[in-house]
Amino acid sequence: MFAPLRTTATVALITAIAAPAIADEVNLYSYRQPDLLKPLTDAFTAETGITVNVAHLDKGMVERLQAEGDRSPADLVFTVDISRLAAVVDAGLTQAVDSEALRTNVPETYRDPEGHWWGLTTRARIVYASKERVAEGEVTTYEDLADPKWEGRICTRSGTHPYNVALVSAVLHHHGEDATKTWLEGVKSNLARKPQGNDRAQVKAIWAGECDISLGNTYYMGKMLESEEQQEWAESVNIVFPTFDDGGAHVNISGVAMTKAAPNRENALKMMEFLASPKAQEIYAEANYEYPVAPGTEPVELVQSWGEFTADDVNLMDLAKLRPDALKLIETVDFDG
């Protein structure tokens, strides 16, 4: 079994190949932070009596699973960004899951057509816009970010970061290779500075007057408002939900997949179904200011206050397949150069 890190009920650190599985546990490899998962694992254990052991990884999930092979103790993988989920699937490290409860709670757009991964919550890739220097309605589409009117006014993190690669994959889906390359060149020419930092750093730059708009995920607004230092940054911007000319706002997911080796398959399926349930999705959405995907569920009041939007209806697996081409275009235009 996993060696405990915090409590034997919820959080554990994997230090070696696990001993034979016991009937009342499930083992999870996760890229998500412990404090975000603990409310979910606590609720699942309280409801089922099943112990959840979590190994929190910074990187190398695919490599670890490959090295462990059929002896892997991991039952589930939990991560954000469709490309990271797809990487585990493409490596042949997951198994398909057929569950009526999952199909009921996870819309087709947010699940693998073959049942290998299932989305749990979403976040939109939006524009943070200066309240002082950007008029309402001045930015409405992703395509608009390449307009010369934004020259010297845009900040963003690295173009090769998974969040931006996913957005470029969506541009590629909607407009094709040539138009996407032109769009990337236009956005690059509008940058106020070389891509750097994380999404919060871009909002700080807007607050400091270095740029007027930036790309970011919605939940960072909630995270910044939690911070005494960052609250001022957050209050200097508005959230704008751009859309594609022929679609909706780009969204990405947090999701779960069952490993091919899964020594506790029955318990793993129970946890997947729990994570997809409205109860669990609302817990997680509240902890990280995200949007639950289960029909009839609502985000927390703060998230609702940011406004409504229509999500793009492309299946995220289609975007994952475009990731290599999107990354190649980003590198071709030397976006970070």
Protein backbone atom coordinates (compact mmCIF):
# COMPACT_ATOMS: atom_id res chain seq x y z
CA MET A 1 0.00 0.00 0.00
CA PHE A 2 1.08 3.62 -0.23
CA ALA A 3 2.99 5.17 2.62
CA PRO A 4 0.97 7.97 4.32
CA LEU A 5 1.92 11.60 3.70
CA ARG A 6 -0.73 13.47 5.66
CA THR A 7 -3.48 11.12 6.81
CA THR A 8 -4.14 7.48 6.14
CA ALA A 9 -7.64 8.39 5.01
CA THR A 10 -6.91 10.76 2.22
CA VAL A 11 -3.41 11.69 1.13
CA ALA A 12 -0.37 9.47 0.64
CA LEU A 13 3.00 9.49 -1.08
CA ILE A 14 4.03 6.62 -3.31
CA THR A 15 7.68 5.79 -2.67
CA ALA A 16 7.92 2.34 -4.21
CA ILE A 17 5.96 -0.28 -6.09
CA ALA A 18 2.87 -0.99 -4.05
CA ALA A 19 2.13 -4.20 -2.21
CA PRO A 20 -0.82 -6.33 -3.35
CA ALA A 21 -4.06 -4.36 -3.39
CA ILE A 22 -6.48 -4.48 -0.52
CA ALA A 23 -10.23 -4.36 -0.92
CA ASP A 24 -10.92 -0.94 0.60
CA GLU A 25 -8.54 1.40 -1.23
CA VAL A 26 -8.04 3.20 -4.52
CA ASN A 27 -4.76 4.72 -5.72
CA LEU A 28 -4.58 7.97 -7.65
CA TYR A 29 -1.73 9.66 -9.55
CA SER A 30 -2.43 13.38 -9.78
CA TYR A 31 -0.96 16.57 -11.20
CA ARG A 32 -3.41 18.56 -9.10
CA GLN A 33 -2.41 20.14 -5.81
CA PRO A 34 -3.19 18.24 -2.57
CA ASP A 35 -5.37 21.02 -1.12
CA LEU A 36 -7.64 20.90 -4.18
CA LEU A 37 -8.17 17.16 -3.99
CA LYS A 38 -8.57 16.73 -0.25
CA PRO A 39 -12.21 17.91 -0.06
CA LEU A 40 -13.07 15.36 -2.79
CA THR A 41 -11.15 12.45 -1.31
CA ASP A 42 -12.56 13.16 2.14
CA ALA A 43 -16.11 13.19 0.77
CA PHE A 44 -15.58 9.98 -1.21
CA THR A 45 -14.13 8.13 1.79
CA ALA A 46 -16.96 9.36 4.02
CA GLU A 47 -19.53 8.10 1.52
CA THR A 48 -17.96 4.76 0.60
CA GLY A 49 -15.46 3.83 3.31
CA ILE A 50 -12.80 3.45 0.60
CA THR A 51 -9.37 4.90 1.40
CA VAL A 52 -7.91 7.17 -1.27
CA ASN A 53 -4.12 7.16 -1.64
CA VAL A 54 -2.80 10.03 -3.75
CA ALA A 55 0.64 10.44 -5.29
CA HIS A 56 1.07 14.08 -6.32
CA LEU A 57 3.39 14.36 -9.31
CA ASP A 58 4.99 17.49 -10.74
CA LYS A 59 5.79 15.84 -14.07
CA GLY A 60 6.58 12.51 -15.70
CA MET A 61 3.26 10.73 -15.21
CA VAL A 62 3.47 8.89 -18.55
CA GLU A 63 7.08 7.86 -17.94
CA ARG A 64 6.28 6.60 -14.44
CA LEU A 65 3.34 4.52 -15.60
CA GLN A 66 5.39 3.10 -18.44
CA ALA A 67 8.20 2.14 -16.09
CA GLU A 68 5.81 0.46 -13.66
CA GLY A 69 3.93 -1.40 -16.39
CA ASP A 70 1.46 -4.06 -15.25
CA ARG A 71 2.79 -3.74 -11.69
CA SER A 72 1.71 -0.10 -11.35
CA PRO A 73 -0.22 0.60 -8.15
CA ALA A 74 -2.12 3.44 -9.83
CA ASP A 75 -5.83 2.92 -10.47
CA LEU A 76 -6.65 6.41 -11.73
CA VAL A 77 -4.88 9.44 -13.17
CA PHE A 78 -6.25 12.89 -12.51
CA THR A 79 -5.01 16.00 -14.29
CA VAL A 80 -5.87 19.22 -16.09
CA ASP A 81 -5.57 20.00 -19.79
CA ILE A 82 -6.81 17.70 -22.51
CA SER A 83 -3.31 17.25 -23.95
CA ARG A 84 -2.08 15.72 -20.69
CA LEU A 85 -5.01 13.32 -20.56
CA ALA A 86 -4.59 12.45 -24.21
CA ALA A 87 -0.88 11.78 -23.68
CA VAL A 88 -1.67 9.05 -21.14
CA VAL A 89 -4.29 7.57 -23.46
CA ASP A 90 -2.05 7.71 -26.54
CA ALA A 91 0.69 5.90 -24.64
CA GLY A 92 -1.66 2.94 -24.16
CA LEU A 93 -1.73 3.37 -20.37
CA THR A 94 -5.51 3.60 -19.85
CA GLN A 95 -8.53 1.39 -20.31
CA ALA A 96 -11.98 2.21 -21.63
CA VAL A 97 -14.75 2.59 -19.08
CA ASP A 98 -18.42 2.03 -19.85
CA SER A 99 -20.67 3.53 -17.19
CA GLU A 100 -24.21 4.82 -17.40
CA ALA A 101 -23.56 7.17 -14.48
CA LEU A 102 -20.57 8.69 -16.27
CA ARG A 103 -22.46 9.03 -19.54
CA THR A 104 -25.31 10.75 -17.70
CA ASN A 105 -23.11 13.27 -15.89
CA VAL A 106 -20.44 14.01 -18.50
CA PRO A 107 -21.60 15.57 -21.79
CA GLU A 108 -20.15 14.10 -25.00
CA THR A 109 -18.04 17.20 -25.63
CA TYR A 110 -16.13 16.56 -22.41
CA ARG A 111 -15.40 12.84 -22.70
CA ASP A 112 -13.40 10.54 -24.90
CA PRO A 113 -15.62 8.91 -27.56
CA GLU A 114 -13.93 5.60 -26.67
CA GLY A 115 -14.43 6.05 -22.92
CA HIS A 116 -10.77 6.38 -21.95
CA TRP A 117 -11.04 9.78 -20.21
CA TRP A 118 -13.85 11.74 -18.62
CA GLY A 119 -14.02 15.47 -17.95
CA LEU A 120 -15.10 16.70 -14.54
CA THR A 121 -14.89 20.50 -14.55
CA THR A 122 -14.08 23.13 -17.14
CA ARG A 123 -12.32 26.46 -17.27
CA ALA A 124 -12.47 29.03 -20.05
CA ARG A 125 -9.41 30.60 -21.69
CA ILE A 126 -10.43 34.23 -21.51
CA VAL A 127 -9.09 37.75 -21.82
CA TYR A 128 -8.26 39.84 -18.79
CA ALA A 129 -8.79 43.47 -19.82
CA SER A 130 -7.75 46.66 -18.07
CA LYS A 131 -10.70 48.48 -16.57
CA GLU A 132 -9.00 51.82 -17.27
CA ARG A 133 -7.63 51.33 -20.78
CA VAL A 134 -9.94 48.85 -22.56
CA ALA A 135 -13.47 49.85 -23.44
CA GLU A 136 -16.39 47.46 -23.11
CA GLY A 137 -16.79 45.52 -26.34
CA GLU A 138 -13.30 46.43 -27.58
CA VAL A 139 -12.30 42.77 -27.69
CA THR A 140 -14.90 40.15 -28.65
CA THR A 141 -13.18 37.31 -30.52
CA TYR A 142 -9.94 35.34 -30.40
CA GLU A 143 -9.38 36.29 -34.02
CA ASP A 144 -9.43 39.95 -32.94
CA LEU A 145 -6.25 39.49 -30.89
CA ALA A 146 -4.24 39.61 -34.13
CA ASP A 147 -5.69 43.02 -35.08
CA PRO A 148 -2.99 45.75 -35.25
CA LYS A 149 -5.06 47.89 -32.86
CA TRP A 150 -3.58 45.72 -30.07
CA GLU A 151 0.04 46.43 -31.03
CA GLY A 152 2.12 46.66 -27.87
CA ARG A 153 -0.90 45.94 -25.68
CA ILE A 154 -0.98 42.15 -25.13
CA CYS A 155 0.76 40.06 -22.45
CA THR A 156 0.81 36.28 -22.26
CA ARG A 157 2.71 33.36 -20.80
CA SER A 158 4.78 31.13 -23.09
CA GLY A 159 3.11 30.11 -26.32
CA THR A 160 4.31 26.56 -25.73
CA HIS A 161 2.55 26.23 -22.37
CA PRO A 162 -0.19 23.56 -22.58
CA TYR A 163 -2.96 26.10 -21.95
CA ASN A 164 -1.90 28.19 -24.93
CA VAL A 165 -1.15 25.17 -27.12
CA ALA A 166 -4.73 24.02 -26.51
CA LEU A 167 -6.04 27.44 -27.57
CA VAL A 168 -3.92 27.40 -30.73
CA SER A 169 -5.23 23.88 -31.41
CA ALA A 170 -8.72 25.36 -31.29
CA VAL A 171 -7.73 28.12 -33.71
CA LEU A 172 -6.31 25.43 -35.99
CA HIS A 173 -9.55 23.45 -35.75
CA HIS A 174 -11.62 26.46 -36.77
CA HIS A 175 -9.38 28.06 -39.39
CA GLY A 176 -6.76 25.66 -40.71
CA GLU A 177 -2.97 25.85 -40.87
CA ASP A 178 -2.35 28.94 -43.00
CA ALA A 179 -4.82 31.16 -41.16
CA THR A 180 -3.55 29.94 -37.78
CA LYS A 181 0.04 30.79 -38.71
CA THR A 182 -1.05 34.25 -39.79
CA TRP A 183 -2.99 34.66 -36.54
CA LEU A 184 -0.01 33.64 -34.43
CA GLU A 185 2.21 36.11 -36.28
CA GLY A 186 -0.35 38.84 -35.69
CA VAL A 187 -0.66 38.12 -31.97
CA LYS A 188 3.12 37.97 -31.61
CA SER A 189 3.47 41.37 -33.30
CA ASN A 190 0.98 42.78 -30.76
CA LEU A 191 2.86 41.60 -27.67
CA ALA A 192 3.97 44.25 -25.20
CA ARG A 193 6.83 42.05 -23.99
CA LYS A 194 8.36 38.62 -24.49
CA PRO A 195 6.06 35.82 -23.22
CA GLN A 196 6.92 35.07 -19.59
CA GLY A 197 5.52 34.10 -16.22
CA ASN A 198 2.16 32.51 -15.47
CA ASP A 199 -1.39 33.72 -16.01
CA ARG A 200 -1.41 35.75 -12.79
CA ALA A 201 1.82 37.50 -13.80
CA GLN A 202 0.04 38.83 -16.89
CA VAL A 203 -2.70 40.40 -14.78
CA LYS A 204 -0.02 41.95 -12.57
CA ALA A 205 1.52 43.42 -15.74
CA ILE A 206 -1.83 44.95 -16.69
CA TRP A 207 -2.13 46.44 -13.19
CA ALA A 208 1.40 47.84 -13.57
CA GLY A 209 0.56 49.42 -16.94
CA GLU A 210 2.85 47.18 -19.00
CA CYS A 211 0.01 45.94 -21.20
CA ASP A 212 -3.75 46.30 -21.56
CA ILE A 213 -5.02 42.74 -22.09
CA SER A 214 -3.80 39.21 -21.44
CA LEU A 215 -4.80 35.61 -21.94
CA GLY A 216 -5.65 33.58 -18.86
CA ASN A 217 -7.84 30.91 -17.32
CA THR A 218 -10.98 32.01 -15.52
CA TYR A 219 -10.19 30.42 -12.16
CA TYR A 220 -7.13 32.61 -11.63
CA MET A 221 -9.47 35.50 -10.89
CA GLY A 222 -10.81 33.62 -7.88
CA LYS A 223 -7.31 32.65 -6.78
CA MET A 224 -6.07 36.25 -7.02
CA LEU A 225 -9.02 37.55 -5.03
CA GLU A 226 -8.05 35.11 -2.25
CA SER A 227 -4.61 36.73 -1.98
CA GLU A 228 -4.08 39.96 -0.10
CA GLU A 229 -1.18 40.85 -2.41
CA GLN A 230 -2.90 39.89 -5.66
CA GLN A 231 -6.38 41.24 -4.96
CA GLU A 232 -5.38 44.65 -6.29
CA TRP A 233 -4.25 43.06 -9.56
CA ALA A 234 -7.57 41.25 -9.93
CA GLU A 235 -9.58 44.37 -9.24
CA SER A 236 -7.78 46.23 -12.04
CA VAL A 237 -9.21 44.01 -14.79
CA ASN A 238 -12.48 42.77 -16.25
CA ILE A 239 -13.06 39.24 -17.48
CA VAL A 240 -13.99 39.07 -21.16
CA PHE A 241 -15.21 35.84 -22.77
CA PRO A 242 -14.06 35.94 -26.40
CA THR A 243 -15.52 33.52 -28.92
CA PHE A 244 -14.40 32.19 -32.27
CA ASP A 245 -16.04 33.82 -35.27
CA ASP A 246 -17.80 30.52 -36.00
CA GLY A 247 -17.95 29.05 -32.50
CA GLY A 248 -17.94 29.66 -28.77
CA ALA A 249 -15.42 30.33 -26.02
CA HIS A 250 -12.46 27.97 -25.76
CA VAL A 251 -12.59 25.74 -22.69
CA ASN A 252 -10.32 23.10 -21.23
CA ILE A 253 -10.94 20.50 -18.54
CA SER A 254 -9.85 18.69 -15.46
CA GLY A 255 -10.41 15.00 -16.04
CA VAL A 256 -9.87 11.45 -14.88
CA ALA A 257 -8.90 8.18 -16.56
CA MET A 258 -8.55 4.59 -15.34
CA THR A 259 -5.13 3.06 -15.80
CA LYS A 260 -4.64 -0.11 -17.81
CA ALA A 261 -3.09 -1.84 -14.78
CA ALA A 262 -5.71 -0.69 -12.20
CA PRO A 263 -5.37 -3.23 -9.35
CA ASN A 264 -8.56 -1.93 -7.69
CA ARG A 265 -10.79 -1.57 -10.72
CA GLU A 266 -14.12 -1.78 -8.90
CA ASN A 267 -13.14 0.88 -6.39
CA ALA A 268 -11.65 2.99 -9.18
CA LEU A 269 -14.93 2.93 -11.08
CA LYS A 270 -16.80 3.93 -7.93
CA MET A 271 -14.48 6.89 -7.52
CA MET A 272 -14.83 7.93 -11.17
CA GLU A 273 -18.61 7.87 -10.85
CA PHE A 274 -18.39 9.82 -7.61
CA LEU A 275 -16.10 12.45 -9.16
CA ALA A 276 -18.55 12.91 -12.03
CA SER A 277 -21.53 13.25 -9.70
CA PRO A 278 -23.07 16.68 -9.19
CA LYS A 279 -22.11 16.58 -5.49
CA ALA A 280 -18.42 16.01 -6.16
CA GLN A 281 -18.23 18.40 -9.11
CA GLU A 282 -19.69 21.19 -7.04
CA ILE A 283 -17.16 20.51 -4.28
CA TYR A 284 -14.30 20.66 -6.74
CA ALA A 285 -15.65 23.62 -8.67
CA GLU A 286 -15.93 25.57 -5.41
CA ALA A 287 -12.37 24.68 -4.37
CA ASN A 288 -10.88 25.89 -7.65
CA TYR A 289 -13.46 28.32 -9.12
CA GLU A 290 -14.23 26.09 -12.09
CA TYR A 291 -17.39 25.12 -13.97
CA PRO A 292 -18.95 21.71 -13.21
CA VAL A 293 -20.02 19.74 -16.28
CA ALA A 294 -22.86 17.64 -14.83
CA PRO A 295 -26.31 18.72 -16.08
CA GLY A 296 -28.14 20.88 -13.56
CA THR A 297 -25.04 21.93 -11.63
CA GLU A 298 -23.96 25.53 -11.20
CA PRO A 299 -20.63 27.21 -10.44
CA VAL A 300 -20.24 29.13 -7.20
CA GLU A 301 -21.68 32.62 -6.90
CA LEU A 302 -18.37 34.38 -7.54
CA VAL A 303 -17.83 32.46 -10.78
CA GLN A 304 -21.38 33.20 -11.87
CA SER A 305 -20.73 36.90 -11.30
CA TRP A 306 -18.15 36.87 -14.10
CA GLY A 307 -20.94 36.46 -16.64
CA GLU A 308 -22.36 33.80 -18.91
CA PHE A 309 -20.74 32.40 -22.04
CA THR A 310 -21.32 29.73 -24.64
CA ALA A 311 -18.57 27.12 -24.72
CA ASP A 312 -17.16 25.98 -28.04
CA ASP A 313 -18.78 22.66 -28.93
CA VAL A 314 -15.74 20.88 -30.41
CA ASN A 315 -14.91 17.56 -28.72
CA LEU A 316 -11.69 18.13 -26.83
CA MET A 317 -10.16 14.91 -28.15
CA ASP A 318 -10.25 16.51 -31.61
CA LEU A 319 -8.18 19.38 -30.21
CA ALA A 320 -5.74 16.97 -28.54
CA LYS A 321 -5.06 15.37 -31.92
CA LEU A 322 -4.13 18.79 -33.30
CA ARG A 323 -1.66 19.55 -30.51
CA PRO A 324 1.50 18.48 -32.41
CA ASP A 325 0.54 20.64 -35.39
CA ALA A 326 -0.31 23.57 -33.13
CA LEU A 327 3.00 23.31 -31.29
CA LYS A 328 4.87 23.16 -34.60
CA LEU A 329 3.21 26.39 -35.76
CA ILE A 330 4.01 28.12 -32.46
CA GLU A 331 7.64 27.16 -32.88
CA THR A 332 7.67 28.06 -36.59
CA VAL A 333 6.69 31.68 -35.89
CA ASP A 334 9.11 31.72 -32.90
CA PHE A 335 6.28 33.00 -30.73
CA ASP A 336 8.40 33.16 -27.58
CA GLY A 337 11.39 34.69 -29.36
